[in-house]
Protein backbone atom coordinates (compact mmCIF):
# COMPACT_ATOMS: atom_id res chain seq x y z
CA MET A 1 17.24 -27.35 -6.94
CA LYS A 2 14.88 -27.53 -3.92
CA ASN A 3 11.83 -25.97 -2.26
CA ARG A 4 9.89 -26.09 -5.50
CA LEU A 5 7.42 -23.29 -5.96
CA LEU A 6 4.49 -24.16 -8.24
CA ILE A 7 3.77 -21.29 -10.54
CA MET A 8 1.78 -22.00 -13.70
CA ILE A 9 2.31 -19.11 -16.04
CA VAL A 10 3.31 -18.39 -19.64
CA ILE A 11 5.61 -15.94 -21.40
CA ALA A 12 4.40 -12.69 -23.00
CA SER A 13 5.86 -9.36 -24.20
CA ILE A 14 8.11 -6.95 -22.29
CA THR A 15 6.65 -3.83 -20.65
CA LEU A 16 9.27 -1.20 -20.02
CA ALA A 17 9.08 1.22 -17.14
CA GLY A 18 10.82 3.51 -14.69
CA CYS A 19 12.32 5.14 -11.64
CA GLN A 20 13.10 8.44 -9.95
CA LYS A 21 14.76 10.10 -6.94
CA LYS A 22 15.33 8.70 -3.47
CA GLN A 23 12.15 7.73 -1.55
CA GLU A 24 10.03 8.91 -4.50
CA ILE A 25 10.05 5.91 -6.75
CA VAL A 26 8.71 6.93 -10.14
CA GLN A 27 6.01 4.67 -11.50
CA PRO A 28 7.10 2.70 -14.59
CA THR A 29 5.50 3.16 -17.99
CA THR A 30 4.80 0.90 -20.92
CA GLU A 31 6.67 3.28 -23.26
CA SER A 32 10.15 3.43 -21.72
CA ILE A 33 13.41 2.49 -23.42
CA VAL A 34 15.28 -0.72 -22.60
CA THR A 35 18.02 -2.48 -24.53
CA GLU A 36 16.06 -4.70 -26.87
CA GLU A 37 19.27 -6.19 -28.25
CA THR A 38 20.09 -7.76 -24.91
CA LEU A 39 16.65 -9.11 -24.07
CA VAL A 40 15.18 -12.36 -25.33
CA SER A 41 12.50 -11.77 -27.97
CA GLU A 42 9.13 -13.45 -27.76
CA ASP A 43 10.03 -15.90 -30.50
CA GLU A 44 13.42 -16.70 -28.95
CA SER A 45 11.99 -17.05 -25.47
CA SER A 46 9.62 -19.81 -26.52
CA GLU A 47 12.62 -21.83 -27.69
CA GLU A 48 15.51 -20.73 -25.50
CA THR A 49 14.07 -20.10 -22.04
CA SER A 50 11.84 -23.15 -21.75
CA SER A 51 13.11 -26.03 -19.68
CA THR A 52 10.09 -28.17 -20.47
CA MET A 53 10.18 -28.50 -24.25
CA GLU A 54 7.76 -30.86 -25.91
CA GLU A 55 9.12 -34.25 -26.77
CA GLY A 56 9.79 -34.65 -30.46
CA THR A 57 10.89 -31.05 -31.01
CA PRO A 58 14.44 -30.42 -32.28
CA ASP A 59 15.53 -28.95 -28.92
CA ALA A 60 13.82 -31.54 -26.73
CA GLY A 61 16.20 -32.79 -24.08
CA ARG A 62 18.84 -30.13 -24.78
CA VAL A 63 20.60 -29.04 -21.60
CA MET A 64 20.07 -25.34 -20.95
CA THR A 65 23.37 -23.54 -20.35
CA PHE A 66 24.20 -20.42 -18.38
CA GLU A 67 24.63 -18.48 -21.62
CA ASP A 68 21.16 -19.61 -22.78
CA ASN A 69 19.62 -17.91 -19.76
CA LEU A 70 21.89 -14.94 -19.24
CA GLU A 71 19.87 -12.52 -21.37
CA ASN A 72 16.75 -12.90 -19.21
CA MET A 73 18.83 -12.20 -16.11
CA LEU A 74 19.50 -8.72 -17.47
CA MET A 75 15.92 -7.88 -16.48
CA PRO A 76 16.42 -8.08 -12.67
CA MET A 77 19.96 -6.70 -12.96
CA ASP A 78 18.69 -3.67 -14.90
CA ALA A 79 15.94 -3.03 -12.34
CA LEU A 80 18.31 -3.39 -9.39
CA MET A 81 20.83 -0.95 -10.85
CA MET A 82 18.09 1.64 -11.37
CA CYS A 83 16.62 1.03 -7.92
CA VAL A 84 19.79 1.29 -5.83
CA THR A 85 21.21 4.17 -7.87
CA GLU A 86 18.10 6.35 -7.85
CA ASN A 87 17.27 5.71 -4.20
CA GLY A 88 20.68 5.29 -2.58
CA TYR A 89 19.87 1.78 -1.35
CA GLU A 90 22.18 -1.11 -0.55
CA TYR A 91 21.27 -4.40 -2.22
CA GLY A 92 19.61 -6.95 0.05
CA SER A 93 16.34 -8.71 0.85
CA THR A 94 16.16 -8.10 4.61
CA ASP A 95 14.96 -4.48 4.43
CA PRO A 96 11.29 -4.55 3.29
CA THR A 97 11.66 -1.15 1.62
CA VAL A 98 14.60 -2.29 -0.50
CA PHE A 99 12.91 -5.63 -1.19
CA TRP A 100 9.67 -4.11 -2.47
CA ALA A 101 11.32 -1.19 -4.25
CA SER A 102 13.47 -3.71 -6.15
CA LEU A 103 10.38 -5.71 -7.06
CA TYR A 104 8.54 -2.55 -8.04
CA TYR A 105 11.21 -1.57 -10.54
CA THR A 106 11.41 -5.10 -11.93
CA LEU A 107 7.67 -5.65 -12.26
CA GLY A 108 7.04 -2.18 -13.68
CA ASN A 109 9.60 -2.75 -16.41
CA TYR A 110 9.19 -6.46 -17.12
CA GLY A 111 6.03 -7.78 -15.47
CA THR A 112 4.18 -8.28 -18.73
CA LYS A 113 6.68 -10.92 -19.83
CA ARG A 114 3.93 -13.04 -18.27
CA GLU A 115 0.66 -12.85 -20.18
CA ILE A 116 -1.48 -13.22 -17.07
CA VAL A 117 -0.23 -9.77 -16.06
CA THR A 118 -2.65 -7.11 -17.27
CA ILE A 119 -2.68 -3.32 -17.66
CA ASN A 120 -5.67 -1.39 -16.36
CA GLY A 121 -5.26 2.30 -17.20
CA SER A 122 -2.24 3.55 -15.27
CA GLU A 123 -1.90 0.36 -13.24
CA MET A 124 -0.44 -3.09 -13.80
CA ILE A 125 -2.17 -6.07 -12.16
CA VAL A 126 0.37 -8.74 -11.24
CA PRO A 127 -0.79 -12.09 -9.80
CA SER A 128 1.05 -13.18 -6.65
CA GLN A 129 2.76 -16.12 -8.35
CA VAL A 130 4.38 -13.77 -10.86
CA VAL A 131 5.60 -11.50 -8.06
CA GLN A 132 7.10 -14.55 -6.35
CA GLU A 133 8.85 -15.67 -9.54
CA PHE A 134 10.49 -12.27 -10.03
CA ALA A 135 11.48 -12.16 -6.35
CA THR A 136 13.38 -15.45 -6.73
CA ALA A 137 15.48 -13.89 -9.50
CA LEU A 138 16.22 -10.72 -7.52
CA PHE A 139 17.27 -12.44 -4.32
CA ALA A 140 18.93 -15.85 -4.00
CA ASP A 141 17.91 -15.94 -0.32
CA TYR A 142 14.24 -15.26 -1.11
CA ASP A 143 11.90 -17.09 1.25
CA ASN A 144 8.58 -15.27 1.30
CA LEU A 145 6.93 -11.96 0.39
CA PRO A 146 7.04 -9.56 3.37
CA GLU A 147 4.42 -6.93 4.08
CA ILE A 148 4.70 -3.84 1.89
CA PRO A 149 5.99 -0.87 3.95
CA GLY A 150 3.77 2.20 4.18
CA ASN A 151 6.19 4.44 2.27
CA LEU A 152 5.66 2.34 -0.87
CA ASN A 153 1.92 1.68 -0.77
CA THR A 154 1.20 4.31 -3.42
CA ALA A 155 3.63 2.58 -5.79
CA ILE A 156 2.63 -1.03 -5.15
CA ARG A 157 -0.18 -2.51 -3.09
CA TYR A 158 -1.78 -5.89 -2.50
CA ASP A 159 -5.35 -6.66 -3.66
CA GLU A 160 -6.50 -9.54 -1.48
CA GLY A 161 -9.63 -10.15 -3.54
CA LYS A 162 -7.58 -10.78 -6.68
CA ASP A 163 -4.55 -12.23 -4.88
CA ALA A 164 -2.54 -9.83 -7.00
CA TYR A 165 -0.33 -6.78 -6.64
CA VAL A 166 -1.27 -3.46 -8.21
CA VAL A 167 1.73 -1.58 -9.61
CA SER A 168 1.43 2.11 -10.54
CA LEU A 169 2.97 2.92 -13.93
CA GLY A 170 5.24 5.82 -14.85
CA ASP A 171 8.29 6.79 -16.95
CA ARG A 172 11.74 5.21 -16.59
CA GLY A 173 13.61 7.83 -18.60
CA LEU A 174 16.32 7.39 -21.22
CA SER A 175 18.46 4.54 -19.93
CA GLU A 176 19.42 1.01 -20.81
CA SER A 177 21.49 -1.77 -19.26
CA ARG A 178 24.23 -3.80 -20.92
CA ILE A 179 26.13 -6.93 -19.95
CA TYR A 180 29.79 -6.59 -20.94
CA ASP A 181 31.39 -9.65 -19.32
CA ASP A 182 30.44 -12.93 -17.68
CA TYR A 183 32.21 -16.09 -16.55
CA ASP A 184 31.77 -19.31 -14.59
CA ASN A 185 33.56 -19.18 -11.24
CA GLY A 186 33.77 -22.98 -11.09
CA ASP A 187 32.13 -23.19 -7.66
CA GLY A 188 28.46 -23.12 -8.63
CA THR A 189 28.43 -19.33 -8.96
CA TYR A 190 28.70 -17.05 -11.97
CA THR A 191 30.03 -13.52 -12.29
CA VAL A 192 28.25 -11.03 -14.55
CA MET A 193 29.47 -7.50 -15.20
CA ALA A 194 26.76 -5.03 -16.25
CA LYS A 195 26.30 -1.31 -16.48
CA LEU A 196 23.42 1.13 -16.67
CA CYS A 197 23.89 3.72 -19.43
CA ALA A 198 22.22 6.95 -20.50
CA THR A 199 20.88 6.46 -24.01
CA ASP A 200 21.07 10.15 -24.96
CA SER A 201 24.80 10.49 -24.21
CA ASN A 202 25.92 6.83 -24.12
CA SER A 203 27.59 7.61 -20.79
CA THR A 204 27.78 5.12 -17.91
CA ILE A 205 25.46 5.88 -15.01
CA CYS A 206 26.65 3.00 -12.84
CA ASP A 207 28.65 -0.22 -13.17
CA TYR A 208 28.07 -3.39 -11.11
CA LYS A 209 29.46 -6.86 -10.55
CA PHE A 210 26.75 -9.48 -9.96
CA ILE A 211 27.16 -12.96 -8.51
CA LEU A 212 24.53 -15.44 -9.72
CA VAL A 213 23.59 -18.91 -8.48
CA GLU A 214 21.04 -21.49 -9.58
CA ASN A 215 17.45 -20.48 -8.84
CA GLN A 216 16.27 -23.07 -6.32
CA TYR A 217 12.63 -22.50 -7.31
CA ALA A 218 12.98 -22.65 -11.12
CA ASP A 219 12.26 -26.36 -11.53
CA GLY A 220 8.85 -25.81 -9.92
CA VAL A 221 7.90 -23.29 -12.60
CA GLN A 222 6.51 -24.15 -16.03
CA ASN A 223 8.71 -22.41 -18.62
CA PRO A 224 10.62 -20.33 -16.04
CA LEU A 225 11.94 -16.94 -16.98
CA PHE A 226 14.82 -17.15 -14.53
CA TYR A 227 17.03 -20.20 -14.06
CA TYR A 228 19.39 -18.16 -11.89
CA SER A 229 19.14 -15.87 -8.87
CA ILE A 230 21.21 -12.85 -7.87
CA LYS A 231 23.28 -13.55 -4.77
CA SER A 232 25.09 -10.23 -4.55
CA MET A 233 25.80 -7.02 -6.42
CA THR A 234 28.87 -4.83 -5.89
CA LYS A 235 29.40 -1.39 -7.36
CA ILE A 236 32.46 -0.95 -9.57
CA GLU A 237 33.96 2.40 -8.70
CA GLU A 238 35.56 4.51 -11.41
CA LYS A 239 39.36 4.46 -11.30
C-alpha cells in the first residue's frame, strides 16, 4: 500500500440513514433499517477489523484476510446501490455530484462508526479525516476531496472553522443490502455480488457486481474500517 493518509480515529456504533428521488437526496436518519446480520458489531469490530492489535493478545500478528474485512465493505456498497438507484447516477469519482452524493449516503448511514462523529439535532458533524477515510473505500482512484457542488449544499456542507462536514439527516426507508457471493480473482482484485432489497416485501430493488482492490491508504489509518476500495460496480440486469 502507498500514499499513506494519517487518520487517527476510533470505531463506534452504526448510524443508519437514507435516500430519495433523483436530484433530491433524502437526508439520512439515525433510525433507519440496515442489515445488522451482515455488519460487524462493535464487539467484533474491535477484534476483527483492527490491523494494529496489541502485542500479547491472542490475535496479535494474525494476518487479516479478505473475508475478515468483507462485512465492513457492505457499508459503502449499500450506500452506492442506494445512491445510483435513487438518483439515476453512474458510478464514478470524476463527477463531483456523484462523488459527494455517494459520500452523503455513506456518511449519513454509517458515519458514526467513528466515535469522533457527533449528532447535533438533525445534523451529523463529520471531521474531514473521517470523510477522507470513507472516500477511500468508495473509490479506489480517490485522490482528494473536490468542492461540493451547489446542488448538494443543503445535504452536505463544509464547516471551515471545525474542519468538518455537516450532513443533514433524514429517513432511508425500508431497505437493506446483502452480499450473496464473493471470490478472489487471483490478480489482486476481488469480486463481490450484492443486492439491495426491500425489507417489507423481500424483493430485490437492484443487484450489482463490485470489483474491490486493496485500499492504498489503509495502512496509514489506526484501526481502519476499510482495508479494500471499490474499483467498479456493474448492474446485474434481470434475465
